[in-house]
């Protein structure tokens, strides 16, 4: 038998609840709160929440773990970076 390293698949995957990660569930919770704040129609609201759920499931298909959180973090970061190294004169001394 070959000497191999055992690979545990569950360790390398993201934690999922109903097929979505925790960050996706927070997005779904946000959709739920927004929908029920503006409308009282239970059937239409349920259809919108289910539509958002299935959209997230299709969106997350074949994406790496923590994809949505990484994209949100990238979009939330500032686009300009301070030039700390130049002001501290670390490079030019």
PDB file of N, CA and C in Angstrom:
ATOM      1  N   UNK A   1       0.835  -1.188   0.000  1.00  0.00           N
ATOM      2  CA  UNK A   1       0.000   0.000   0.000  1.00  0.00           C
ATOM      3  C   UNK A   1       0.876   1.247   0.000  1.00  0.00           C
ATOM      4  N   UNK A   2       0.426   2.254  -0.657  1.00  0.00           N
ATOM      5  CA  UNK A   2       1.186   3.508  -0.720  1.00  0.00           C
ATOM      6  C   UNK A   2       1.084   4.290   0.582  1.00  0.00           C
ATOM      7  N   UNK A   3       2.111   5.063   0.837  1.00  0.00           N
ATOM      8  CA  UNK A   3       2.058   5.982   1.975  1.00  0.00           C
ATOM      9  C   UNK A   3       1.377   7.254   1.506  1.00  0.00           C
ATOM     10  N   UNK A   4       0.229   7.500   1.996  1.00  0.00           N
ATOM     11  CA  UNK A   4      -0.520   8.686   1.595  1.00  0.00           C
ATOM     12  C   UNK A   4      -0.976   9.437   2.830  1.00  0.00           C
ATOM     13  N   UNK A   5      -1.271  10.688   2.604  1.00  0.00           N
ATOM     14  CA  UNK A   5      -1.808  11.513   3.677  1.00  0.00           C
ATOM     15  C   UNK A   5      -3.318  11.461   3.570  1.00  0.00           C
ATOM     16  N   UNK A   6      -3.953  11.182   4.671  1.00  0.00           N
ATOM     17  CA  UNK A   6      -5.405  11.117   4.676  1.00  0.00           C
ATOM     18  C   UNK A   6      -5.974  12.519   4.511  1.00  0.00           C
ATOM     19  N   UNK A   7      -6.929  12.664   3.650  1.00  0.00           N
ATOM     20  CA  UNK A   7      -7.525  13.963   3.359  1.00  0.00           C
ATOM     21  C   UNK A   7      -8.958  13.947   3.832  1.00  0.00           C
ATOM     22  N   UNK A   8      -9.278  14.830   4.779  1.00  0.00           N
ATOM     23  CA  UNK A   8     -10.626  14.918   5.311  1.00  0.00           C
ATOM     24  C   UNK A   8     -11.371  16.014   4.578  1.00  0.00           C
ATOM     25  N   UNK A   9     -12.339  15.627   3.802  1.00  0.00           N
ATOM     26  CA  UNK A   9     -13.055  16.583   2.970  1.00  0.00           C
ATOM     27  C   UNK A   9     -13.833  17.604   3.797  1.00  0.00           C
ATOM     28  N   UNK A  10     -14.420  17.187   4.888  1.00  0.00           N
ATOM     29  CA  UNK A  10     -15.243  18.090   5.694  1.00  0.00           C
ATOM     30  C   UNK A  10     -14.426  19.217   6.312  1.00  0.00           C
ATOM     31  N   UNK A  11     -13.153  18.991   6.562  1.00  0.00           N
ATOM     32  CA  UNK A  11     -12.322  20.039   7.150  1.00  0.00           C
ATOM     33  C   UNK A  11     -12.048  21.137   6.131  1.00  0.00           C
ATOM     34  N   UNK A  12     -11.912  20.767   4.869  1.00  0.00           N
ATOM     35  CA  UNK A  12     -11.527  21.718   3.842  1.00  0.00           C
ATOM     36  C   UNK A  12     -12.711  22.458   3.219  1.00  0.00           C
ATOM     37  N   UNK A  13     -13.917  22.148   3.592  1.00  0.00           N
ATOM     38  CA  UNK A  13     -15.090  22.811   3.032  1.00  0.00           C
ATOM     39  C   UNK A  13     -15.656  23.795   4.052  1.00  0.00           C
ATOM     40  N   UNK A  14     -16.462  24.700   3.551  1.00  0.00           N
ATOM     41  CA  UNK A  14     -17.088  25.702   4.421  1.00  0.00           C
ATOM     42  C   UNK A  14     -18.257  25.079   5.179  1.00  0.00           C
ATOM     43  N   UNK A  15     -18.563  25.643   6.330  1.00  0.00           N
ATOM     44  CA  UNK A  15     -19.740  25.210   7.079  1.00  0.00           C
ATOM     45  C   UNK A  15     -20.974  25.669   6.331  1.00  0.00           C
ATOM     46  N   UNK A  16     -21.915  24.777   6.166  1.00  0.00           N
ATOM     47  CA  UNK A  16     -23.116  25.093   5.398  1.00  0.00           C
ATOM     48  C   UNK A  16     -24.367  24.737   6.184  1.00  0.00           C
ATOM     49  N   UNK A  17     -25.375  25.588   6.031  1.00  0.00           N
ATOM     50  CA  UNK A  17     -26.695  25.341   6.585  1.00  0.00           C
ATOM     51  C   UNK A  17     -27.669  25.503   5.435  1.00  0.00           C
ATOM     52  N   UNK A  18     -28.383  24.451   5.091  1.00  0.00           N
ATOM     53  CA  UNK A  18     -29.307  24.435   3.947  1.00  0.00           C
ATOM     54  C   UNK A  18     -28.605  24.839   2.659  1.00  0.00           C
ATOM     55  N   UNK A  19     -27.358  24.467   2.517  1.00  0.00           N
ATOM     56  CA  UNK A  19     -26.612  24.743   1.299  1.00  0.00           C
ATOM     57  C   UNK A  19     -25.972  26.111   1.228  1.00  0.00           C
ATOM     58  N   UNK A  20     -26.134  26.945   2.249  1.00  0.00           N
ATOM     59  CA  UNK A  20     -25.559  28.289   2.243  1.00  0.00           C
ATOM     60  C   UNK A  20     -24.611  28.452   3.427  1.00  0.00           C
ATOM     61  N   UNK A  21     -23.624  29.321   3.251  1.00  0.00           N
ATOM     62  CA  UNK A  21     -22.701  29.624   4.335  1.00  0.00           C
ATOM     63  C   UNK A  21     -23.336  30.647   5.275  1.00  0.00           C
ATOM     64  N   UNK A  22     -22.658  30.908   6.386  1.00  0.00           N
ATOM     65  CA  UNK A  22     -23.214  31.822   7.390  1.00  0.00           C
ATOM     66  C   UNK A  22     -23.395  33.229   6.820  1.00  0.00           C
ATOM     67  N   UNK A  23     -22.432  33.727   6.059  1.00  0.00           N
ATOM     68  CA  UNK A  23     -22.546  35.068   5.488  1.00  0.00           C
ATOM     69  C   UNK A  23     -23.731  35.155   4.533  1.00  0.00           C
ATOM     70  N   UNK A  24     -23.964  34.093   3.762  1.00  0.00           N
ATOM     71  CA  UNK A  24     -25.113  34.074   2.855  1.00  0.00           C
ATOM     72  C   UNK A  24     -26.426  34.064   3.630  1.00  0.00           C
ATOM     73  N   UNK A  25     -26.428  33.390   4.765  1.00  0.00           N
ATOM     74  CA  UNK A  25     -27.642  33.398   5.583  1.00  0.00           C
ATOM     75  C   UNK A  25     -27.917  34.784   6.163  1.00  0.00           C
ATOM     76  N   UNK A  26     -26.858  35.540   6.467  1.00  0.00           N
ATOM     77  CA  UNK A  26     -27.063  36.912   6.925  1.00  0.00           C
ATOM     78  C   UNK A  26     -27.621  37.773   5.796  1.00  0.00           C
ATOM     79  N   UNK A  27     -27.174  37.556   4.571  1.00  0.00           N
ATOM     80  CA  UNK A  27     -27.748  38.262   3.427  1.00  0.00           C
ATOM     81  C   UNK A  27     -29.217  37.910   3.260  1.00  0.00           C
ATOM     82  N   UNK A  28     -29.533  36.627   3.401  1.00  0.00           N
ATOM     83  CA  UNK A  28     -30.920  36.187   3.286  1.00  0.00           C
ATOM     84  C   UNK A  28     -31.775  36.764   4.409  1.00  0.00           C
ATOM     85  N   UNK A  29     -31.206  36.870   5.606  1.00  0.00           N
ATOM     86  CA  UNK A  29     -31.913  37.497   6.722  1.00  0.00           C
ATOM     87  C   UNK A  29     -32.175  38.973   6.431  1.00  0.00           C
ATOM     88  N   UNK A  30     -31.200  39.654   5.829  1.00  0.00           N
ATOM     89  CA  UNK A  30     -31.396  41.051   5.437  1.00  0.00           C
ATOM     90  C   UNK A  30     -32.505  41.206   4.409  1.00  0.00           C
ATOM     91  N   UNK A  31     -32.551  40.303   3.434  1.00  0.00           N
ATOM     92  CA  UNK A  31     -33.642  40.328   2.443  1.00  0.00           C
ATOM     93  C   UNK A  31     -34.971  40.089   3.139  1.00  0.00           C
ATOM     94  N   UNK A  32     -35.004  39.147   4.057  1.00  0.00           N
ATOM     95  CA  UNK A  32     -36.225  38.852   4.810  1.00  0.00           C
ATOM     96  C   UNK A  32     -36.726  40.085   5.565  1.00  0.00           C
ATOM     97  N   UNK A  33     -35.822  40.763   6.255  1.00  0.00           N
ATOM     98  CA  UNK A  33     -36.222  41.949   7.021  1.00  0.00           C
ATOM     99  C   UNK A  33     -36.699  43.076   6.116  1.00  0.00           C
ATOM    100  N   UNK A  34     -36.007  43.293   4.995  1.00  0.00           N
ATOM    101  CA  UNK A  34     -36.412  44.371   4.080  1.00  0.00           C
ATOM    102  C   UNK A  34     -37.772  44.087   3.448  1.00  0.00           C
ATOM    103  N   UNK A  35     -37.989  42.844   3.055  1.00  0.00           N
ATOM    104  CA  UNK A  35     -39.250  42.492   2.402  1.00  0.00           C
ATOM    105  C   UNK A  35     -40.412  42.653   3.368  1.00  0.00           C
ATOM    106  N   UNK A  36     -40.262  42.186   4.578  1.00  0.00           N
ATOM    107  CA  UNK A  36     -41.370  42.252   5.528  1.00  0.00           C
ATOM    108  C   UNK A  36     -41.541  43.642   6.144  1.00  0.00           C
ATOM    109  N   UNK A  37     -40.571  44.535   5.969  1.00  0.00           N
ATOM    110  CA  UNK A  37     -40.757  45.909   6.425  1.00  0.00           C
ATOM    111  C   UNK A  37     -41.673  46.689   5.484  1.00  0.00           C
ATOM    112  N   UNK A  38     -41.618  46.370   4.197  1.00  0.00           N
ATOM    113  CA  UNK A  38     -42.335  47.175   3.218  1.00  0.00           C
ATOM    114  C   UNK A  38     -43.641  46.562   2.754  1.00  0.00           C
ATOM    115  N   UNK A  39     -43.908  45.316   3.072  1.00  0.00           N
ATOM    116  CA  UNK A  39     -45.130  44.682   2.601  1.00  0.00           C
ATOM    117  C   UNK A  39     -45.678  43.760   3.680  1.00  0.00           C
ATOM    118  N   UNK A  40     -46.984  43.575   3.665  1.00  0.00           N
ATOM    119  CA  UNK A  40     -47.615  42.677   4.629  1.00  0.00           C
ATOM    120  C   UNK A  40     -48.183  41.431   3.948  1.00  0.00           C
ATOM    121  N   UNK A  41     -48.016  41.324   2.639  1.00  0.00           N
ATOM    122  CA  UNK A  41     -48.520  40.173   1.907  1.00  0.00           C
ATOM    123  C   UNK A  41     -47.584  38.985   2.135  1.00  0.00           C
ATOM    124  N   UNK A  42     -48.065  37.994   2.864  1.00  0.00           N
ATOM    125  CA  UNK A  42     -47.237  36.858   3.255  1.00  0.00           C
ATOM    126  C   UNK A  42     -46.817  36.017   2.055  1.00  0.00           C
ATOM    127  N   UNK A  43     -47.701  35.814   1.115  1.00  0.00           N
ATOM    128  CA  UNK A  43     -47.385  34.961  -0.040  1.00  0.00           C
ATOM    129  C   UNK A  43     -46.335  35.621  -0.923  1.00  0.00           C
ATOM    130  N   UNK A  44     -46.498  36.896  -1.216  1.00  0.00           N
ATOM    131  CA  UNK A  44     -45.524  37.602  -2.055  1.00  0.00           C
ATOM    132  C   UNK A  44     -44.168  37.709  -1.347  1.00  0.00           C
ATOM    133  N   UNK A  45     -44.195  37.974  -0.054  1.00  0.00           N
ATOM    134  CA  UNK A  45     -42.945  38.070   0.705  1.00  0.00           C
ATOM    135  C   UNK A  45     -42.220  36.728   0.754  1.00  0.00           C
ATOM    136  N   UNK A  46     -42.964  35.665   0.959  1.00  0.00           N
ATOM    137  CA  UNK A  46     -42.358  34.334   0.979  1.00  0.00           C
ATOM    138  C   UNK A  46     -41.764  33.991  -0.382  1.00  0.00           C
ATOM    139  N   UNK A  47     -42.454  34.368  -1.449  1.00  0.00           N
ATOM    140  CA  UNK A  47     -41.938  34.110  -2.790  1.00  0.00           C
ATOM    141  C   UNK A  47     -40.643  34.888  -3.035  1.00  0.00           C
ATOM    142  N   UNK A  48     -40.571  36.121  -2.571  1.00  0.00           N
ATOM    143  CA  UNK A  48     -39.345  36.907  -2.736  1.00  0.00           C
ATOM    144  C   UNK A  48     -38.184  36.334  -1.928  1.00  0.00           C
ATOM    145  N   UNK A  49     -38.445  35.902  -0.715  1.00  0.00           N
ATOM    146  CA  UNK A  49     -37.394  35.316   0.112  1.00  0.00           C
ATOM    147  C   UNK A  49     -36.927  33.987  -0.493  1.00  0.00           C
ATOM    148  N   UNK A  50     -37.849  33.160  -0.951  1.00  0.00           N
ATOM    149  CA  UNK A  50     -37.458  31.906  -1.601  1.00  0.00           C
ATOM    150  C   UNK A  50     -36.695  32.173  -2.901  1.00  0.00           C
ATOM    151  N   UNK A  51     -37.103  33.188  -3.637  1.00  0.00           N
ATOM    152  CA  UNK A  51     -36.378  33.565  -4.850  1.00  0.00           C
ATOM    153  C   UNK A  51     -34.953  34.000  -4.536  1.00  0.00           C
ATOM    154  N   UNK A  52     -34.782  34.767  -3.462  1.00  0.00           N
ATOM    155  CA  UNK A  52     -33.439  35.186  -3.051  1.00  0.00           C
ATOM    156  C   UNK A  52     -32.614  33.981  -2.609  1.00  0.00           C
ATOM    157  N   UNK A  53     -33.248  33.039  -1.918  1.00  0.00           N
ATOM    158  CA  UNK A  53     -32.545  31.827  -1.486  1.00  0.00           C
ATOM    159  C   UNK A  53     -32.049  31.025  -2.691  1.00  0.00           C
ATOM    160  N   UNK A  54     -32.931  30.798  -3.668  1.00  0.00           N
ATOM    161  CA  UNK A  54     -32.524  30.016  -4.832  1.00  0.00           C
ATOM    162  C   UNK A  54     -31.508  30.767  -5.688  1.00  0.00           C
ATOM    163  N   UNK A  55     -31.604  32.096  -5.727  1.00  0.00           N
ATOM    164  CA  UNK A  55     -30.584  32.875  -6.428  1.00  0.00           C
ATOM    165  C   UNK A  55     -29.218  32.688  -5.775  1.00  0.00           C
ATOM    166  N   UNK A  56     -29.165  32.748  -4.443  1.00  0.00           N
ATOM    167  CA  UNK A  56     -27.898  32.532  -3.743  1.00  0.00           C
ATOM    168  C   UNK A  56     -27.370  31.120  -3.953  1.00  0.00           C
ATOM    169  N   UNK A  57     -28.255  30.122  -3.990  1.00  0.00           N
ATOM    170  CA  UNK A  57     -27.811  28.746  -4.237  1.00  0.00           C
ATOM    171  C   UNK A  57     -27.209  28.610  -5.625  1.00  0.00           C
ATOM    172  N   UNK A  58     -27.834  29.225  -6.638  1.00  0.00           N
ATOM    173  CA  UNK A  58     -27.303  29.155  -8.005  1.00  0.00           C
ATOM    174  C   UNK A  58     -26.020  29.969  -8.102  1.00  0.00           C
ATOM    175  N   UNK A  59     -25.985  31.117  -7.455  1.00  0.00           N
ATOM    176  CA  UNK A  59     -24.801  31.983  -7.465  1.00  0.00           C
ATOM    177  C   UNK A  59     -23.605  31.292  -6.830  1.00  0.00           C
ATOM    178  N   UNK A  60     -23.827  30.525  -5.776  1.00  0.00           N
ATOM    179  CA  UNK A  60     -22.737  29.867  -5.055  1.00  0.00           C
ATOM    180  C   UNK A  60     -22.288  28.556  -5.702  1.00  0.00           C
ATOM    181  N   UNK A  61     -22.924  28.133  -6.759  1.00  0.00           N
ATOM    182  CA  UNK A  61     -22.571  26.878  -7.418  1.00  0.00           C
ATOM    183  C   UNK A  61     -21.154  26.960  -7.993  1.00  0.00           C
ATOM    184  N   UNK A  62     -20.314  25.995  -7.647  1.00  0.00           N
ATOM    185  CA  UNK A  62     -18.919  25.888  -8.101  1.00  0.00           C
ATOM    186  C   UNK A  62     -18.053  27.077  -7.704  1.00  0.00           C
ATOM    187  N   UNK A  63     -18.382  27.739  -6.618  1.00  0.00           N
ATOM    188  CA  UNK A  63     -17.545  28.813  -6.080  1.00  0.00           C
ATOM    189  C   UNK A  63     -16.762  28.265  -4.889  1.00  0.00           C
ATOM    190  N   UNK A  64     -15.576  28.800  -4.626  1.00  0.00           N
ATOM    191  CA  UNK A  64     -14.823  28.321  -3.460  1.00  0.00           C
ATOM    192  C   UNK A  64     -15.491  28.758  -2.156  1.00  0.00           C
ATOM    193  N   UNK A  65     -15.103  28.138  -1.042  1.00  0.00           N
ATOM    194  CA  UNK A  65     -15.682  28.540   0.250  1.00  0.00           C
ATOM    195  C   UNK A  65     -15.400  30.005   0.558  1.00  0.00           C
ATOM    196  N   UNK A  66     -16.345  30.640   1.206  1.00  0.00           N
ATOM    197  CA  UNK A  66     -16.258  32.037   1.638  1.00  0.00           C
ATOM    198  C   UNK A  66     -16.165  33.006   0.454  1.00  0.00           C
ATOM    199  N   UNK A  67     -16.726  32.660  -0.670  1.00  0.00           N
ATOM    200  CA  UNK A  67     -16.674  33.499  -1.870  1.00  0.00           C
ATOM    201  C   UNK A  67     -17.423  34.808  -1.657  1.00  0.00           C
ATOM    202  N   UNK A  68     -18.627  34.763  -1.144  1.00  0.00           N
ATOM    203  CA  UNK A  68     -19.445  35.958  -0.977  1.00  0.00           C
ATOM    204  C   UNK A  68     -18.818  36.920   0.018  1.00  0.00           C
ATOM    205  N   UNK A  69     -18.292  36.412   1.107  1.00  0.00           N
ATOM    206  CA  UNK A  69     -17.626  37.270   2.089  1.00  0.00           C
ATOM    207  C   UNK A  69     -16.377  37.924   1.514  1.00  0.00           C
ATOM    208  N   UNK A  70     -15.640  37.201   0.687  1.00  0.00           N
ATOM    209  CA  UNK A  70     -14.444  37.776   0.065  1.00  0.00           C
ATOM    210  C   UNK A  70     -14.802  38.880  -0.911  1.00  0.00           C
ATOM    211  N   UNK A  71     -15.851  38.674  -1.694  1.00  0.00           N
ATOM    212  CA  UNK A  71     -16.293  39.702  -2.643  1.00  0.00           C
ATOM    213  C   UNK A  71     -16.795  40.932  -1.901  1.00  0.00           C
ATOM    214  N   UNK A  72     -17.569  40.736  -0.837  1.00  0.00           N
ATOM    215  CA  UNK A  72     -18.064  41.871  -0.058  1.00  0.00           C
ATOM    216  C   UNK A  72     -16.916  42.623   0.600  1.00  0.00           C
ATOM    217  N   UNK A  73     -15.925  41.904   1.103  1.00  0.00           N
ATOM    218  CA  UNK A  73     -14.758  42.561   1.695  1.00  0.00           C
ATOM    219  C   UNK A  73     -13.964  43.353   0.673  1.00  0.00           C
ATOM    220  N   UNK A  74     -13.838  42.807  -0.535  1.00  0.00           N
ATOM    221  CA  UNK A  74     -13.135  43.519  -1.600  1.00  0.00           C
ATOM    222  C   UNK A  74     -13.870  44.798  -1.982  1.00  0.00           C
ATOM    223  N   UNK A  75     -15.189  44.726  -2.080  1.00  0.00           N
ATOM    224  CA  UNK A  75     -15.968  45.905  -2.454  1.00  0.00           C
ATOM    225  C   UNK A  75     -16.026  46.946  -1.344  1.00  0.00           C
ATOM    226  N   UNK A  76     -15.898  46.519  -0.091  1.00  0.00           N
ATOM    227  CA  UNK A  76     -15.988  47.449   1.037  1.00  0.00           C
ATOM    228  C   UNK A  76     -14.652  48.115   1.366  1.00  0.00           C
ATOM    229  N   UNK A  77     -13.549  47.552   0.907  1.00  0.00           N
ATOM    230  CA  UNK A  77     -12.235  48.147   1.203  1.00  0.00           C
ATOM    231  C   UNK A  77     -12.071  49.475   0.493  1.00  0.00           C
ATOM    232  N   UNK A  78     -11.306  50.379   1.069  1.00  0.00           N
ATOM    233  CA  UNK A  78     -11.056  51.651   0.386  1.00  0.00           C
ATOM    234  C   UNK A  78     -10.221  51.420  -0.877  1.00  0.00           C
ATOM    235  N   UNK A  79     -10.493  52.224  -1.893  1.00  0.00           N
ATOM    236  CA  UNK A  79      -9.796  52.053  -3.163  1.00  0.00           C
ATOM    237  C   UNK A  79      -8.466  52.794  -3.199  1.00  0.00           C
ATOM    238  N   UNK A  80      -8.258  53.714  -2.304  1.00  0.00           N
ATOM    239  CA  UNK A  80      -6.969  54.411  -2.249  1.00  0.00           C
ATOM    240  C   UNK A  80      -6.236  53.970  -0.994  1.00  0.00           C
ATOM    241  N   UNK A  81      -4.960  53.791  -1.126  1.00  0.00           N
ATOM    242  CA  UNK A  81      -4.158  53.328  -0.011  1.00  0.00           C
ATOM    243  C   UNK A  81      -3.201  54.424   0.416  1.00  0.00           C
ATOM    244  N   UNK A  82      -3.033  54.625   1.711  1.00  0.00           N
ATOM    245  CA  UNK A  82      -2.105  55.657   2.176  1.00  0.00           C
ATOM    246  C   UNK A  82      -0.663  55.264   1.856  1.00  0.00           C
ATOM    247  N   UNK A  83       0.153  56.259   1.593  1.00  0.00           N
ATOM    248  CA  UNK A  83       1.548  55.999   1.265  1.00  0.00           C
ATOM    249  C   UNK A  83       2.380  56.103   2.539  1.00  0.00           C
ATOM    250  N   UNK A  84       2.199  55.160   3.430  1.00  0.00           N
ATOM    251  CA  UNK A  84       2.871  55.200   4.726  1.00  0.00           C
ATOM    252  C   UNK A  84       4.377  55.007   4.593  1.00  0.00           C
ATOM    253  N   UNK A  85       4.784  54.130   3.739  1.00  0.00           N
ATOM    254  CA  UNK A  85       6.217  53.859   3.642  1.00  0.00           C
ATOM    255  C   UNK A  85       6.976  55.070   3.108  1.00  0.00           C
ATOM    256  N   UNK A  86       6.382  55.815   2.193  1.00  0.00           N
ATOM    257  CA  UNK A  86       7.066  56.992   1.671  1.00  0.00           C
ATOM    258  C   UNK A  86       7.105  58.124   2.689  1.00  0.00           C
ATOM    259  N   UNK A  87       6.052  58.276   3.482  1.00  0.00           N
ATOM    260  CA  UNK A  87       6.033  59.340   4.466  1.00  0.00           C
ATOM    261  C   UNK A  87       6.960  59.027   5.645  1.00  0.00           C
ATOM    262  N   UNK A  88       7.140  57.758   5.950  1.00  0.00           N
ATOM    263  CA  UNK A  88       8.027  57.389   7.034  1.00  0.00           C
ATOM    264  C   UNK A  88       9.479  57.322   6.574  1.00  0.00           C
ATOM    265  N   UNK A  89       9.712  57.501   5.323  1.00  0.00           N
ATOM    266  CA  UNK A  89      11.048  57.513   4.716  1.00  0.00           C
ATOM    267  C   UNK A  89      11.775  56.194   4.936  1.00  0.00           C
ATOM    268  N   UNK A  90      11.027  55.074   4.887  1.00  0.00           N
ATOM    269  CA  UNK A  90      11.660  53.778   5.030  1.00  0.00           C
ATOM    270  C   UNK A  90      12.372  53.384   3.740  1.00  0.00           C
ATOM    271  N   UNK A  91      11.840  53.813   2.624  1.00  0.00           N
ATOM    272  CA  UNK A  91      12.391  53.370   1.344  1.00  0.00           C
ATOM    273  C   UNK A  91      13.622  54.184   0.961  1.00  0.00           C
ATOM    274  N   UNK A  92      13.577  55.486   1.202  1.00  0.00           N
ATOM    275  CA  UNK A  92      14.599  56.365   0.654  1.00  0.00           C
ATOM    276  C   UNK A  92      15.778  56.623   1.585  1.00  0.00           C
ATOM    277  N   UNK A  93      15.798  56.049   2.749  1.00  0.00           N
ATOM    278  CA  UNK A  93      16.916  56.268   3.665  1.00  0.00           C
ATOM    279  C   UNK A  93      17.934  55.170   3.591  1.00  0.00           C
TER     280      UNK A  93
END
